[in-house]
C-alpha cells in the first residue's frame, strides 16, 4: 500500500492512538511488571473509542448538516408542472397554416400535414368545440370529432397524423391533398356554425 495514501495515514493514526491508550491504561509501576488490562482488552477499548468517536461525528453531522441537505434535496425534487418543463408556444390558426404552406412549397408534405393537423386543433379550440388538453391522444380527438357530425371529416387529418407520428414514412402529395381538403371542409363547416 502506498505510504502517502489517506488510508495508510488513517491506519497509522489509529495505531498511534491505540498505543497511546495502552500506555495510559498500563500501570506506572514498572518494577511489578503488572498490566492493569490484558492486551486484548486494550485493543478492544481502542476500537470502542473509535466507534464512539465515529458515532458522535455522525450524530453531529446529522443534526447540523442534514437539515441543510434535506432542504437542498427537497428543492431539486420539487415537482414542476409540465408547462414549466416544456413551454409550449401557442400559434394562431393563420401562423399554423402559413407554416403548413411553407413546408408544402418546399415539398415536405409530411411536415405540411403536421402543421395542418395543428391548425385544425387550434381552430377547434378557438371555436370552443374541442378545447386543448396536453394529455389528449389522437384516438380521443377522433372520438370527439365523431360527436360533431359536420366535423367528422377531421378524422382524416388525425389518422394521417397518427400514422406519421408512430410510423417512419413520408407523406405523398395525394395524401396531403386529402388532408388539405379535409381541413377546408372543416373550415367551411365552422364558418357556417359561426354565422
Protein backbone atom coordinates (compact mmCIF):
# COMPACT_ATOMS: atom_id res chain seq x y z
CA UNK A 1 0.00 0.00 0.00
CA UNK A 2 1.26 3.45 -0.79
CA UNK A 3 2.60 5.28 2.28
CA UNK A 4 1.08 8.60 1.29
CA UNK A 5 -2.48 7.44 0.83
CA UNK A 6 -5.14 8.69 3.21
CA UNK A 7 -6.00 5.14 4.19
CA UNK A 8 -2.43 4.39 5.24
CA UNK A 9 -2.24 7.65 7.17
CA UNK A 10 -5.54 6.85 8.88
CA UNK A 11 -4.29 3.39 9.90
CA UNK A 12 -1.09 4.94 11.27
CA UNK A 13 -3.10 7.45 13.28
CA UNK A 14 -5.34 4.68 14.59
CA UNK A 15 -2.32 2.60 15.60
CA UNK A 16 -0.67 5.55 17.36
CA UNK A 17 -3.89 6.36 19.21
CA UNK A 18 -4.25 2.74 20.26
CA UNK A 19 -0.70 2.66 21.56
CA UNK A 20 -1.25 5.88 23.48
CA UNK A 21 -4.36 4.44 25.16
CA UNK A 22 -2.49 1.24 26.01
CA UNK A 23 0.34 3.24 27.62
CA UNK A 24 -2.16 5.28 29.65
CA UNK A 25 -4.01 2.18 30.81
CA UNK A 26 -0.86 0.33 31.96
CA UNK A 27 0.48 0.57 35.43
CA UNK A 28 3.21 3.10 36.10
CA UNK A 29 4.83 0.63 38.39
CA UNK A 30 7.42 -0.83 36.02
CA UNK A 31 9.05 -2.88 38.77
CA UNK A 32 5.99 -5.04 39.27
CA UNK A 33 5.53 -5.57 35.51
CA UNK A 34 1.82 -5.97 36.10
CA UNK A 35 -0.54 -4.63 33.49
CA UNK A 36 -3.89 -3.40 34.66
CA UNK A 37 -5.56 -4.68 31.47
CA UNK A 38 -4.77 -7.63 29.27
CA UNK A 39 -3.55 -6.73 25.73
CA UNK A 40 -6.75 -7.92 24.02
CA UNK A 41 -8.86 -5.63 26.19
CA UNK A 42 -6.69 -2.63 25.27
CA UNK A 43 -7.27 -3.31 21.56
CA UNK A 44 -11.00 -3.66 22.22
CA UNK A 45 -11.07 -0.34 24.08
CA UNK A 46 -9.27 1.35 21.19
CA UNK A 47 -11.86 0.06 18.73
CA UNK A 48 -14.72 1.07 21.02
CA UNK A 49 -13.24 4.55 21.38
CA UNK A 50 -13.06 4.91 17.58
CA UNK A 51 -16.60 3.64 17.28
CA UNK A 52 -17.84 6.16 19.84
CA UNK A 53 -15.97 9.00 18.08
CA UNK A 54 -17.44 7.96 14.72
CA UNK A 55 -20.91 7.80 16.27
CA UNK A 56 -20.52 11.29 17.72
CA UNK A 57 -19.31 12.61 14.37
CA UNK A 58 -22.30 11.06 12.61
CA UNK A 59 -24.69 12.40 15.23
CA UNK A 60 -23.29 15.95 14.94
CA UNK A 61 -23.31 15.67 11.14
CA UNK A 62 -26.90 14.54 11.16
CA UNK A 63 -28.10 17.33 13.44
CA UNK A 64 -26.03 20.10 11.90
CA UNK A 65 -25.65 19.28 8.21
CA UNK A 66 -28.73 17.16 7.46
CA UNK A 67 -31.31 19.97 7.71
CA UNK A 68 -29.42 21.90 5.02
CA UNK A 69 -29.08 18.83 2.81
CA UNK A 70 -32.75 17.97 3.25
CA UNK A 71 -33.77 21.47 2.15
CA UNK A 72 -31.46 21.24 -0.86
CA UNK A 73 -32.78 17.83 -1.90
CA UNK A 74 -36.37 18.99 -1.43
CA UNK A 75 -35.69 21.95 -3.71
CA UNK A 76 -34.49 19.70 -6.53
CA UNK A 77 -37.18 17.06 -6.02
CA UNK A 78 -39.97 19.59 -6.08
CA UNK A 79 -42.26 18.62 -8.94
CA UNK A 80 -42.52 21.14 -11.69
CA UNK A 81 -45.54 21.46 -13.82
CA UNK A 82 -45.27 20.19 -17.37
CA UNK A 83 -45.86 23.73 -18.54
CA UNK A 84 -42.64 24.83 -16.81
CA UNK A 85 -40.70 21.87 -18.19
CA UNK A 86 -41.97 22.13 -21.74
CA UNK A 87 -43.04 25.65 -22.54
CA UNK A 88 -45.41 25.49 -25.46
CA UNK A 89 -45.62 28.36 -27.87
CA UNK A 90 -49.16 28.93 -28.94
CA UNK A 91 -49.74 29.75 -32.57
CA UNK A 92 -52.70 31.30 -34.23
CA UNK A 93 -54.52 29.37 -36.93
CA UNK A 94 -53.08 31.74 -39.53
CA UNK A 95 -49.50 31.11 -38.33
CA UNK A 96 -50.05 27.35 -38.38
CA UNK A 97 -51.49 27.48 -41.89
CA UNK A 98 -48.59 29.67 -43.07
CA UNK A 99 -46.09 27.09 -41.75
CA UNK A 100 -48.02 24.30 -43.45
CA UNK A 101 -47.95 26.17 -46.75
CA UNK A 102 -44.23 26.90 -46.40
CA UNK A 103 -43.50 23.17 -46.00
CA UNK A 104 -45.85 22.40 -48.86
CA UNK A 105 -43.97 24.81 -51.15
CA UNK A 106 -40.73 23.12 -50.07
CA UNK A 107 -42.12 19.71 -50.99
CA UNK A 108 -42.15 18.41 -47.39
CA UNK A 109 -45.73 17.14 -47.27
CA UNK A 110 -45.13 15.27 -44.03
CA UNK A 111 -44.38 18.46 -42.09
CA UNK A 112 -47.03 20.36 -44.04
CA UNK A 113 -49.68 17.86 -42.91
CA UNK A 114 -48.48 18.03 -39.29
CA UNK A 115 -48.89 21.80 -39.25
CA UNK A 116 -52.28 21.45 -40.93
CA UNK A 117 -53.29 18.99 -38.19
CA UNK A 118 -52.20 21.53 -35.54
CA UNK A 119 -54.14 24.24 -37.36
CA UNK A 120 -57.27 22.08 -37.21
CA UNK A 121 -56.82 21.52 -33.46
CA UNK A 122 -56.27 25.23 -32.88
CA UNK A 123 -59.32 26.12 -34.98
CA UNK A 124 -61.48 23.68 -32.99
CA UNK A 125 -60.12 25.15 -29.77
CA UNK A 126 -60.80 28.70 -30.94
CA UNK A 127 -64.36 27.71 -31.84
CA UNK A 128 -64.80 26.29 -28.31
CA UNK A 129 -65.75 22.91 -29.75
CA UNK A 130 -62.77 20.79 -28.67
CA UNK A 131 -60.55 22.62 -26.17
CA UNK A 132 -56.82 21.88 -25.97
CA UNK A 133 -55.61 19.31 -23.48
CA UNK A 134 -51.95 18.28 -23.48
CA UNK A 135 -52.80 14.75 -22.41
CA UNK A 136 -55.35 14.15 -25.16
CA UNK A 137 -54.47 11.43 -27.68
CA UNK A 138 -55.32 11.15 -31.35
CA UNK A 139 -57.88 8.45 -30.53
CA UNK A 140 -59.60 10.82 -28.12
CA UNK A 141 -59.69 13.52 -30.80
CA UNK A 142 -61.32 11.04 -33.20
CA UNK A 143 -63.98 10.22 -30.60
CA UNK A 144 -64.65 13.91 -30.02
CA UNK A 145 -64.83 14.62 -33.76
CA UNK A 146 -67.39 11.84 -34.14
CA UNK A 147 -69.67 13.62 -31.66
CA UNK A 148 -69.86 16.61 -34.03
CA UNK A 149 -71.17 15.16 -37.32
CA UNK A 150 -70.15 18.07 -39.53
CA UNK A 151 -66.55 17.78 -38.28
CA UNK A 152 -66.03 14.04 -38.66
CA UNK A 153 -64.02 14.69 -41.81
CA UNK A 154 -61.27 15.79 -39.41
CA UNK A 155 -60.65 12.11 -38.73
CA UNK A 156 -58.62 12.06 -41.95
CA UNK A 157 -56.16 14.60 -40.52
CA UNK A 158 -55.98 12.78 -37.19
CA UNK A 159 -55.44 9.33 -38.71
CA UNK A 160 -52.72 10.59 -41.07
CA UNK A 161 -51.07 12.45 -38.22
CA UNK A 162 -51.14 9.27 -36.15
CA UNK A 163 -49.59 7.26 -39.00
CA UNK A 164 -46.84 9.82 -39.45
CA UNK A 165 -46.17 10.20 -35.74
CA UNK A 166 -45.89 6.50 -34.98
CA UNK A 167 -44.61 5.36 -38.35
CA UNK A 168 -41.46 6.34 -40.13
CA UNK A 169 -42.71 7.33 -43.53
CA UNK A 170 -43.04 10.36 -45.74
CA UNK A 171 -46.39 11.63 -46.87
CA UNK A 172 -47.22 11.59 -50.58
CA UNK A 173 -48.75 14.62 -52.26
CA UNK A 174 -52.09 12.84 -52.83
CA UNK A 175 -52.40 12.16 -49.08
CA UNK A 176 -51.54 15.78 -48.34
CA UNK A 177 -54.23 16.87 -50.78
CA UNK A 178 -56.74 14.74 -48.82
CA UNK A 179 -55.60 16.47 -45.60
CA UNK A 180 -55.94 19.88 -47.18
CA UNK A 181 -59.43 19.12 -48.49
CA UNK A 182 -60.48 17.81 -45.07
CA UNK A 183 -59.20 20.98 -43.40
CA UNK A 184 -61.00 23.20 -45.92
CA UNK A 185 -64.23 21.28 -45.36
CA UNK A 186 -63.87 21.70 -41.58
CA UNK A 187 -63.18 25.40 -42.02
CA UNK A 188 -66.24 25.91 -44.24
CA UNK A 189 -68.45 23.94 -41.78
CA UNK A 190 -67.13 26.03 -38.87
CA UNK A 191 -67.92 29.23 -40.78
CA UNK A 192 -71.50 28.01 -41.11
CA UNK A 193 -71.63 27.30 -37.36
CA UNK A 194 -70.10 30.70 -36.53
CA UNK A 195 -72.75 32.53 -38.57
